[in-house]
N, C-alpha and C. Protein backbone atom coordinates (compact mmCIF):
# COMPACT_ATOMS: atom_id res chain seq x y z
N MET A 1 13.15 -21.56 -7.63
CA MET A 1 14.17 -20.52 -7.67
C MET A 1 14.97 -20.59 -6.38
N SER A 2 16.26 -20.43 -6.51
CA SER A 2 17.14 -20.48 -5.36
C SER A 2 18.04 -19.26 -5.38
N VAL A 3 18.25 -18.67 -4.21
CA VAL A 3 19.12 -17.49 -4.15
C VAL A 3 20.48 -17.90 -3.59
N ASP A 4 21.51 -17.17 -4.00
CA ASP A 4 22.85 -17.42 -3.50
C ASP A 4 23.25 -16.32 -2.53
N ALA A 5 24.44 -16.41 -1.99
CA ALA A 5 24.91 -15.45 -0.99
C ALA A 5 24.98 -14.03 -1.55
N ASP A 6 25.39 -13.90 -2.81
CA ASP A 6 25.47 -12.57 -3.42
C ASP A 6 24.09 -11.94 -3.53
N THR A 7 23.08 -12.74 -3.85
CA THR A 7 21.72 -12.22 -3.95
C THR A 7 21.22 -11.78 -2.58
N VAL A 8 21.55 -12.53 -1.54
CA VAL A 8 21.16 -12.13 -0.17
C VAL A 8 21.79 -10.79 0.18
N ARG A 9 23.05 -10.62 -0.16
CA ARG A 9 23.72 -9.35 0.13
C ARG A 9 23.08 -8.21 -0.65
N ARG A 10 22.71 -8.47 -1.90
CA ARG A 10 22.06 -7.44 -2.74
C ARG A 10 20.70 -7.08 -2.17
N ILE A 11 19.92 -8.07 -1.76
CA ILE A 11 18.61 -7.80 -1.15
C ILE A 11 18.78 -6.97 0.12
N ALA A 12 19.76 -7.33 0.94
CA ALA A 12 20.02 -6.59 2.18
C ALA A 12 20.41 -5.15 1.86
N HIS A 13 21.23 -4.98 0.83
CA HIS A 13 21.64 -3.63 0.43
C HIS A 13 20.44 -2.81 -0.03
N LEU A 14 19.59 -3.40 -0.88
CA LEU A 14 18.41 -2.69 -1.37
C LEU A 14 17.44 -2.35 -0.25
N ALA A 15 17.35 -3.22 0.76
CA ALA A 15 16.46 -2.99 1.90
C ALA A 15 17.12 -2.13 2.96
N ARG A 16 18.36 -1.75 2.75
CA ARG A 16 19.13 -0.95 3.70
C ARG A 16 19.22 -1.65 5.05
N ILE A 17 19.52 -2.95 5.01
CA ILE A 17 19.68 -3.76 6.21
C ILE A 17 21.13 -4.20 6.31
N ALA A 18 21.73 -3.97 7.46
CA ALA A 18 23.10 -4.42 7.68
C ALA A 18 23.08 -5.91 7.99
N VAL A 19 23.80 -6.69 7.20
CA VAL A 19 23.86 -8.14 7.39
C VAL A 19 25.32 -8.54 7.55
N ALA A 20 25.61 -9.18 8.67
CA ALA A 20 26.97 -9.66 8.91
C ALA A 20 27.22 -10.89 8.04
N ASP A 21 28.48 -11.16 7.75
CA ASP A 21 28.83 -12.31 6.91
C ASP A 21 28.34 -13.62 7.51
N GLY A 22 28.31 -13.72 8.83
CA GLY A 22 27.84 -14.94 9.47
C GLY A 22 26.35 -15.17 9.35
N GLU A 23 25.59 -14.13 9.03
CA GLU A 23 24.14 -14.25 8.91
C GLU A 23 23.68 -14.58 7.49
N VAL A 24 24.58 -14.44 6.53
CA VAL A 24 24.20 -14.60 5.12
C VAL A 24 23.64 -15.99 4.84
N GLU A 25 24.30 -17.03 5.31
CA GLU A 25 23.84 -18.39 5.02
C GLU A 25 22.48 -18.66 5.66
N HIS A 26 22.28 -18.18 6.88
CA HIS A 26 20.98 -18.36 7.53
C HIS A 26 19.88 -17.66 6.75
N LEU A 27 20.14 -16.42 6.33
CA LEU A 27 19.16 -15.67 5.56
C LEU A 27 18.90 -16.31 4.20
N ARG A 28 19.94 -16.87 3.62
CA ARG A 28 19.76 -17.55 2.33
C ARG A 28 18.78 -18.70 2.47
N GLY A 29 18.90 -19.47 3.56
CA GLY A 29 17.97 -20.56 3.80
C GLY A 29 16.55 -20.05 4.04
N GLU A 30 16.43 -18.95 4.78
CA GLU A 30 15.11 -18.37 5.05
C GLU A 30 14.45 -17.89 3.75
N ILE A 31 15.20 -17.18 2.93
CA ILE A 31 14.65 -16.66 1.68
C ILE A 31 14.28 -17.80 0.74
N ASN A 32 15.12 -18.83 0.66
CA ASN A 32 14.79 -19.98 -0.18
C ASN A 32 13.54 -20.68 0.31
N ALA A 33 13.32 -20.76 1.62
CA ALA A 33 12.11 -21.39 2.16
C ALA A 33 10.88 -20.56 1.80
N ILE A 34 11.01 -19.24 1.87
CA ILE A 34 9.88 -18.37 1.50
C ILE A 34 9.55 -18.53 0.03
N LEU A 35 10.57 -18.54 -0.82
CA LEU A 35 10.34 -18.70 -2.26
C LEU A 35 9.74 -20.06 -2.58
N ALA A 36 10.16 -21.10 -1.86
CA ALA A 36 9.58 -22.44 -2.08
C ALA A 36 8.10 -22.44 -1.71
N PHE A 37 7.74 -21.75 -0.64
CA PHE A 37 6.33 -21.67 -0.25
C PHE A 37 5.52 -20.92 -1.30
N VAL A 38 6.06 -19.83 -1.83
CA VAL A 38 5.36 -19.07 -2.87
C VAL A 38 5.17 -19.93 -4.11
N GLU A 39 6.19 -20.70 -4.48
CA GLU A 39 6.06 -21.60 -5.63
C GLU A 39 4.99 -22.65 -5.37
N GLN A 40 4.91 -23.13 -4.12
CA GLN A 40 3.89 -24.11 -3.76
C GLN A 40 2.50 -23.48 -3.87
N LEU A 41 2.35 -22.23 -3.51
CA LEU A 41 1.05 -21.55 -3.63
C LEU A 41 0.63 -21.40 -5.09
N SER A 42 1.58 -21.22 -5.99
CA SER A 42 1.24 -21.06 -7.40
C SER A 42 0.69 -22.33 -8.01
N GLU A 43 0.86 -23.47 -7.35
CA GLU A 43 0.35 -24.74 -7.85
C GLU A 43 -1.13 -24.96 -7.49
N VAL A 44 -1.68 -24.14 -6.59
CA VAL A 44 -3.06 -24.30 -6.16
C VAL A 44 -4.00 -23.89 -7.28
N ASN A 45 -5.00 -24.72 -7.56
CA ASN A 45 -5.98 -24.43 -8.60
C ASN A 45 -7.03 -23.48 -8.02
N VAL A 46 -7.10 -22.27 -8.55
CA VAL A 46 -8.06 -21.28 -8.07
C VAL A 46 -9.08 -20.91 -9.14
N ASP A 47 -9.25 -21.77 -10.14
CA ASP A 47 -10.24 -21.52 -11.18
C ASP A 47 -11.63 -21.49 -10.56
N GLY A 48 -12.40 -20.47 -10.89
CA GLY A 48 -13.76 -20.35 -10.39
C GLY A 48 -13.86 -19.77 -8.98
N ILE A 49 -12.74 -19.43 -8.38
CA ILE A 49 -12.76 -18.85 -7.04
C ILE A 49 -12.67 -17.33 -7.19
N GLU A 50 -13.65 -16.62 -6.64
CA GLU A 50 -13.64 -15.17 -6.73
C GLU A 50 -12.70 -14.57 -5.68
N PRO A 51 -12.00 -13.51 -6.03
CA PRO A 51 -11.15 -12.85 -5.04
C PRO A 51 -11.99 -12.32 -3.89
N MET A 52 -11.40 -12.30 -2.70
CA MET A 52 -12.15 -11.79 -1.56
C MET A 52 -11.29 -10.81 -0.77
N THR A 53 -11.97 -9.94 -0.03
CA THR A 53 -11.28 -8.96 0.79
C THR A 53 -11.34 -9.31 2.25
N SER A 54 -12.14 -10.31 2.60
CA SER A 54 -12.30 -10.69 3.99
C SER A 54 -12.65 -12.18 4.04
N VAL A 55 -12.42 -12.80 5.18
CA VAL A 55 -12.76 -14.22 5.31
C VAL A 55 -14.26 -14.41 5.52
N THR A 56 -14.95 -13.35 5.88
CA THR A 56 -16.41 -13.42 6.00
C THR A 56 -17.03 -12.53 4.94
N PRO A 57 -18.10 -13.00 4.31
CA PRO A 57 -18.72 -12.17 3.26
C PRO A 57 -19.33 -10.91 3.85
N MET A 58 -19.03 -9.80 3.25
CA MET A 58 -19.61 -8.53 3.71
C MET A 58 -19.67 -7.56 2.55
N ALA A 59 -20.59 -6.63 2.64
CA ALA A 59 -20.73 -5.61 1.61
C ALA A 59 -20.19 -4.29 2.14
N MET A 60 -19.59 -3.54 1.27
CA MET A 60 -19.07 -2.24 1.65
C MET A 60 -20.23 -1.29 1.92
N LYS A 61 -20.11 -0.49 2.97
CA LYS A 61 -21.11 0.52 3.26
C LYS A 61 -20.85 1.69 2.33
N LYS A 62 -21.87 2.07 1.59
CA LYS A 62 -21.70 3.15 0.62
C LYS A 62 -22.77 4.19 0.83
N ARG A 63 -22.40 5.43 0.65
CA ARG A 63 -23.38 6.50 0.69
C ARG A 63 -23.77 6.83 -0.74
N PRO A 64 -24.94 7.39 -0.94
CA PRO A 64 -25.32 7.75 -2.30
C PRO A 64 -24.39 8.83 -2.86
N ASP A 65 -24.03 8.72 -4.10
CA ASP A 65 -23.15 9.67 -4.75
C ASP A 65 -24.01 10.78 -5.34
N VAL A 66 -24.20 11.83 -4.57
CA VAL A 66 -25.07 12.92 -4.96
C VAL A 66 -24.24 14.19 -5.09
N VAL A 67 -24.40 14.88 -6.19
CA VAL A 67 -23.69 16.13 -6.42
C VAL A 67 -24.48 17.25 -5.76
N THR A 68 -23.79 18.03 -4.92
CA THR A 68 -24.43 19.18 -4.29
C THR A 68 -23.55 20.41 -4.48
N ASP A 69 -24.12 21.55 -4.23
CA ASP A 69 -23.35 22.79 -4.35
C ASP A 69 -22.74 23.21 -3.03
N GLY A 70 -22.82 22.38 -2.02
CA GLY A 70 -22.30 22.72 -0.71
C GLY A 70 -23.33 23.41 0.15
N ALA A 71 -24.45 23.81 -0.46
CA ALA A 71 -25.62 24.38 0.20
C ALA A 71 -25.35 25.70 0.93
N ASN A 72 -24.27 25.78 1.67
CA ASN A 72 -24.06 26.98 2.47
C ASN A 72 -22.58 27.33 2.45
N ALA A 73 -22.24 28.33 1.67
CA ALA A 73 -20.83 28.70 1.52
C ALA A 73 -20.21 29.13 2.84
N ASP A 74 -20.98 29.80 3.70
CA ASP A 74 -20.44 30.23 4.98
C ASP A 74 -20.04 29.03 5.84
N ALA A 75 -20.86 27.99 5.84
CA ALA A 75 -20.54 26.79 6.62
C ALA A 75 -19.35 26.06 6.03
N VAL A 76 -19.26 26.03 4.70
CA VAL A 76 -18.14 25.34 4.05
C VAL A 76 -16.82 26.05 4.35
N LEU A 77 -16.84 27.37 4.37
CA LEU A 77 -15.61 28.15 4.56
C LEU A 77 -15.32 28.47 6.03
N LYS A 78 -16.16 27.99 6.94
CA LYS A 78 -16.02 28.34 8.35
C LYS A 78 -14.65 27.95 8.90
N ASN A 79 -14.10 26.80 8.51
CA ASN A 79 -12.81 26.34 9.05
C ASN A 79 -11.63 26.66 8.14
N ALA A 80 -11.87 27.40 7.07
CA ALA A 80 -10.78 27.74 6.16
C ALA A 80 -9.85 28.76 6.83
N PRO A 81 -8.54 28.62 6.64
CA PRO A 81 -7.61 29.59 7.23
C PRO A 81 -7.82 30.99 6.67
N ALA A 82 -8.20 31.09 5.39
CA ALA A 82 -8.46 32.39 4.77
C ALA A 82 -9.50 32.23 3.68
N ALA A 83 -10.43 33.17 3.61
CA ALA A 83 -11.46 33.15 2.59
C ALA A 83 -11.69 34.57 2.09
N GLU A 84 -12.12 34.65 0.82
CA GLU A 84 -12.38 35.95 0.22
C GLU A 84 -13.51 35.81 -0.78
N ASP A 85 -14.59 36.55 -0.61
CA ASP A 85 -15.76 36.52 -1.51
C ASP A 85 -16.30 35.10 -1.69
N HIS A 86 -16.44 34.36 -0.62
CA HIS A 86 -16.96 32.98 -0.62
C HIS A 86 -16.07 32.01 -1.41
N PHE A 87 -14.77 32.27 -1.46
CA PHE A 87 -13.80 31.37 -2.07
C PHE A 87 -12.68 31.13 -1.08
N PHE A 88 -12.00 29.99 -1.20
CA PHE A 88 -10.80 29.74 -0.39
C PHE A 88 -9.71 30.66 -0.89
N ALA A 89 -9.00 31.32 0.02
CA ALA A 89 -7.88 32.18 -0.33
C ALA A 89 -6.59 31.42 0.00
N VAL A 90 -5.73 31.27 -0.98
CA VAL A 90 -4.46 30.56 -0.78
C VAL A 90 -3.30 31.46 -1.15
N PRO A 91 -2.15 31.25 -0.52
CA PRO A 91 -1.01 32.10 -0.86
C PRO A 91 -0.52 31.83 -2.29
N LYS A 92 0.01 32.86 -2.91
CA LYS A 92 0.55 32.74 -4.24
C LYS A 92 1.82 31.88 -4.20
N VAL A 93 1.90 30.85 -5.06
CA VAL A 93 3.07 29.97 -5.07
C VAL A 93 3.85 30.05 -6.39
N VAL A 94 3.26 30.64 -7.41
CA VAL A 94 3.93 30.77 -8.71
C VAL A 94 4.02 32.23 -9.05
N GLU A 95 5.20 32.68 -9.40
CA GLU A 95 5.41 34.09 -9.78
C GLU A 95 4.98 34.32 -11.20
């Protein structure tokens, strides 16, 4: 895929970047080089390769998913800006 000068101007407009007319040709070459590299990456055979999140194998640290009632309503509501009868009190937003 190759981009032309009009496409560079459109990309710049969408990105809200001011591009002078003298910079358009340089940017066109840069964008075409990026697209050529992406096309080159699509040719790599990745069959049987699992996706990874890091270059070193690691497991996510997870805590047990246990349902609790909060155990102590006073402690849960201690930092609340407003509370009433062991519930969070919020301002009315709908009439």
